[in-house]
Protein backbone atom coordinates (compact mmCIF):
# COMPACT_ATOMS: atom_id res chain seq x y z
CA UNK A 1 103.14 118.33 92.44
CA UNK A 2 103.32 114.51 92.75
CA UNK A 3 103.16 112.44 89.58
CA UNK A 4 102.53 108.73 89.00
CA UNK A 5 102.83 106.43 86.03
CA UNK A 6 99.61 105.19 84.44
CA UNK A 7 99.53 101.49 83.56
CA UNK A 8 97.23 99.28 81.54
CA UNK A 9 96.08 95.83 82.66
CA UNK A 10 98.96 94.29 80.73
CA UNK A 11 101.43 95.99 83.07
CA UNK A 12 102.68 98.50 80.50
CA UNK A 13 103.22 102.20 81.21
CA UNK A 14 100.86 104.16 78.96
CA UNK A 15 101.22 107.64 80.40
CA UNK A 16 101.83 109.87 83.38
CA UNK A 17 99.38 111.64 85.67
CA UNK A 18 99.81 114.66 87.93
CA UNK A 19 98.08 114.39 91.30
CA UNK A 20 96.65 117.17 93.41
CA UNK A 21 98.88 118.25 96.28
CA UNK A 22 95.80 118.98 98.42
CA UNK A 23 94.76 115.32 98.27
CA UNK A 24 97.89 113.24 97.66
CA UNK A 25 100.62 115.29 99.38
CA UNK A 26 99.30 115.94 102.88
CA UNK A 27 101.32 115.42 106.12
CA UNK A 28 100.21 112.53 108.32
CA UNK A 29 98.49 113.02 111.67
CA UNK A 30 98.58 109.55 113.27
CA UNK A 31 96.15 110.55 116.02
CA UNK A 32 93.53 111.56 113.46
CA UNK A 33 93.98 108.34 111.46
CA UNK A 34 93.69 106.30 114.64
CA UNK A 35 90.48 108.10 115.54
CA UNK A 36 89.07 107.52 112.06
CA UNK A 37 89.74 103.78 112.32
CA UNK A 38 88.24 103.52 115.81
CA UNK A 39 85.10 105.41 114.75
CA UNK A 40 84.69 103.16 111.70
CA UNK A 41 85.00 99.98 113.78
CA UNK A 42 82.66 101.30 116.46
CA UNK A 43 80.01 102.21 113.89
CA UNK A 44 80.13 98.65 112.53
CA UNK A 45 79.11 97.16 115.88
CA UNK A 46 75.47 96.12 116.03
CA UNK A 47 75.12 96.32 119.82
CA UNK A 48 72.10 93.99 119.73
CA UNK A 49 73.16 91.55 122.49
CA UNK A 50 70.17 91.37 124.83
CA UNK A 51 69.16 89.40 127.94
CA UNK A 52 66.02 89.60 130.03
CA UNK A 53 66.01 90.55 133.69
CA UNK A 54 63.72 88.87 136.24
CA UNK A 55 61.06 91.49 135.61
CA UNK A 56 61.07 90.85 131.85
CA UNK A 57 60.88 87.04 131.81
CA UNK A 58 57.39 85.70 131.19
CA UNK A 59 55.69 84.07 134.19
CA UNK A 60 56.71 83.88 137.82
CA UNK A 61 53.89 86.06 139.11
CA UNK A 62 52.75 83.60 141.78
CA UNK A 63 54.75 82.99 144.94
CA UNK A 64 55.93 79.36 144.59
CA UNK A 65 55.25 78.43 148.25
CA UNK A 66 54.33 80.10 151.51
CA UNK A 67 56.89 82.19 153.28
CA UNK A 68 57.31 80.08 156.45
CA UNK A 69 56.90 76.55 157.64
CA UNK A 70 58.07 74.54 154.63
CA UNK A 71 61.75 74.22 155.57
CA UNK A 72 62.77 75.63 152.23
CA UNK A 73 64.36 78.96 151.50
CA UNK A 74 61.88 81.78 151.08
CA UNK A 75 61.11 82.59 147.45
CA UNK A 76 58.88 85.20 145.88
CA UNK A 77 59.13 84.22 142.19
CA UNK A 78 60.37 81.39 140.00
CA UNK A 79 61.98 83.88 137.67
CA UNK A 80 64.79 84.94 140.02
CA UNK A 81 68.28 84.68 138.44
CA UNK A 82 69.28 81.59 140.43
CA UNK A 83 66.23 79.64 139.20
CA UNK A 84 66.06 77.64 135.99
CA UNK A 85 64.14 79.68 133.40
CA UNK A 86 64.81 82.75 135.53
CA UNK A 87 66.09 86.14 134.40
CA UNK A 88 69.74 87.06 133.92
CA UNK A 89 71.50 89.24 136.45
CA UNK A 90 73.84 91.91 135.05
CA UNK A 91 73.52 90.56 131.49
CA UNK A 92 74.13 92.58 128.32
CA UNK A 93 71.49 94.93 126.96
CA UNK A 94 71.13 96.56 123.56
CA UNK A 95 73.13 99.73 123.19
CA UNK A 96 74.32 102.10 120.50
CA UNK A 97 78.09 102.02 119.95
CA UNK A 98 78.09 104.54 117.11
CA UNK A 99 80.40 107.53 117.34
CA UNK A 100 80.18 110.86 115.57
CA UNK A 101 83.04 111.85 113.28
CA UNK A 102 82.78 115.37 111.80
CA UNK A 103 82.81 115.63 108.01
CA UNK A 104 85.95 117.78 107.89
CA UNK A 105 87.87 115.33 110.06
CA UNK A 106 86.67 112.36 107.98
CA UNK A 107 87.81 113.99 104.75
CA UNK A 108 91.14 115.03 106.29
CA UNK A 109 91.74 111.43 107.38
CA UNK A 110 91.05 110.17 103.85
CA UNK A 111 93.47 112.71 102.36
CA UNK A 112 96.16 111.69 104.83
CA UNK A 113 95.63 107.98 104.14
CA UNK A 114 95.90 108.56 100.38
CA UNK A 115 99.05 110.64 100.83
CA UNK A 116 100.63 107.98 103.04
CA UNK A 117 99.88 105.27 100.46
CA UNK A 118 101.45 107.37 97.71
CA UNK A 119 104.58 108.07 99.77
CA UNK A 120 104.93 104.35 100.55
CA UNK A 121 104.56 103.51 96.83
CA UNK A 122 101.43 101.48 97.53
CA UNK A 123 99.18 103.42 95.14
CA UNK A 124 98.86 102.62 91.45
CA UNK A 125 96.83 104.20 88.64
CA UNK A 126 95.39 102.06 85.84
CA UNK A 127 94.15 103.59 82.60
CA UNK A 128 90.83 101.72 82.88
CA UNK A 129 89.45 98.97 85.11
CA UNK A 130 86.54 98.15 82.84
CA UNK A 131 86.82 94.43 82.02
CA UNK A 132 85.39 93.18 78.72
CA UNK A 133 83.81 90.17 80.42
CA UNK A 134 83.36 88.58 83.83
CA UNK A 135 86.46 86.42 84.15
CA UNK A 136 88.25 85.81 87.44
CA UNK A 137 91.23 84.19 85.72
CA UNK A 138 91.89 87.34 83.66
CA UNK A 139 91.84 89.49 86.79
CA UNK A 140 94.23 87.14 88.60
CA UNK A 141 96.60 87.29 85.64
CA UNK A 142 96.40 91.11 85.69
CA UNK A 143 97.19 91.12 89.42
CA UNK A 144 100.26 88.97 88.74
CA UNK A 145 101.45 91.11 85.82
CA UNK A 146 101.14 94.27 87.90
CA UNK A 147 102.79 92.55 90.92
CA UNK A 148 99.98 93.70 93.21
CA UNK A 149 99.76 90.63 95.43
CA UNK A 150 96.45 89.56 96.95
CA UNK A 151 95.55 92.41 99.33
CA UNK A 152 94.21 95.01 96.93
CA UNK A 153 91.49 97.65 96.86
CA UNK A 154 90.30 98.72 93.41
CA UNK A 155 88.77 102.20 93.22
CA UNK A 156 86.62 103.24 90.26
CA UNK A 157 84.69 106.40 89.51
CA UNK A 158 81.48 104.46 88.86
CA UNK A 159 80.46 100.91 89.88
CA UNK A 160 82.02 98.35 87.51
CA UNK A 161 79.85 95.25 87.57
CA UNK A 162 82.27 93.11 85.56
CA UNK A 163 85.13 93.99 87.92
CA UNK A 164 83.00 93.32 91.00
CA UNK A 165 81.88 89.91 89.74
CA UNK A 166 85.37 88.94 88.60
CA UNK A 167 86.98 89.51 91.99
CA UNK A 168 84.27 88.10 94.24
CA UNK A 169 86.07 84.75 94.54
CA UNK A 170 89.51 86.26 95.20
CA UNK A 171 90.30 86.55 98.89
CA UNK A 172 91.27 90.01 100.22
CA UNK A 173 90.62 91.77 96.91
CA UNK A 174 87.79 94.28 96.93
CA UNK A 175 86.35 97.04 94.74
CA UNK A 176 84.71 100.32 95.73
CA UNK A 177 83.88 103.67 94.21
CA UNK A 178 85.55 107.04 94.77
CA UNK A 179 82.49 108.35 96.60
CA UNK A 180 82.51 105.46 99.09
CA UNK A 181 86.08 105.73 100.33
CA UNK A 182 86.89 105.68 104.03
CA UNK A 183 90.19 105.88 105.89
CA UNK A 184 89.81 102.39 107.38
CA UNK A 185 89.62 100.68 103.97
CA UNK A 186 92.48 102.76 102.58
CA UNK A 187 94.73 101.66 105.45
CA UNK A 188 93.46 98.06 105.60
CA UNK A 189 94.51 97.07 102.08
CA UNK A 190 98.18 96.86 101.20
CA UNK A 191 97.79 98.20 97.65
CA UNK A 192 95.37 100.75 96.17
CA UNK A 193 94.57 100.67 92.48
CA UNK A 194 92.72 103.65 90.97
CA UNK A 195 91.50 104.05 87.45
CA UNK A 196 92.18 107.40 85.82
CA UNK A 197 88.59 108.61 86.21
CA UNK A 198 88.56 107.67 89.91
CA UNK A 199 91.57 109.91 90.57
CA UNK A 200 89.69 112.87 89.11
CA UNK A 201 86.59 112.01 91.13
CA UNK A 202 88.57 111.75 94.37
CA UNK A 203 90.31 115.05 93.75
CA UNK A 204 86.98 116.70 93.00
CA UNK A 205 85.43 115.47 96.26
CA UNK A 206 88.31 115.72 98.72
CA UNK A 207 90.35 118.70 97.50
CA UNK A 208 88.23 121.17 99.50
């Protein structure tokens, strides 16, 4: 059973925690992780790019001039694509890019991402991430003491407003809850920082 040290925000080891093998010691399936990332990115696309065809542009119902005898090219509408204010030929139209990802596969991808982070020593457990006050400087000092760098995802069991407000001005540092995890975020950030309660919440959700 894998174990990790538990730190406080001062960078001191205050204990040790055993992790569930079913969540933090799972073999990696790169194809599944790749699929999880692609589904996440596809579901973020809005797909709202839209142009109007010649039949959708307002106006152009009257033939601009008679068919023959003017010396000009025949024309049936002023809303043809080659006219100014005309429609767009072969332009983009709204579409749905979302992809379905079964629940079991999504959870398996999260377990594999967590296990990979633990094996690569990129996962840390903090006793508590509850800050006494909203202070960005204190959080930056904690990041430096823990040698976490500036690409960090904090994971808490419940939303921590003081933590969220303290990190909002720090680039590439983000906070989420255990119930909102996804494989893309776990792989995107270089370091994962869990509080002790978040570990229990993750194991309760993803162990089955």
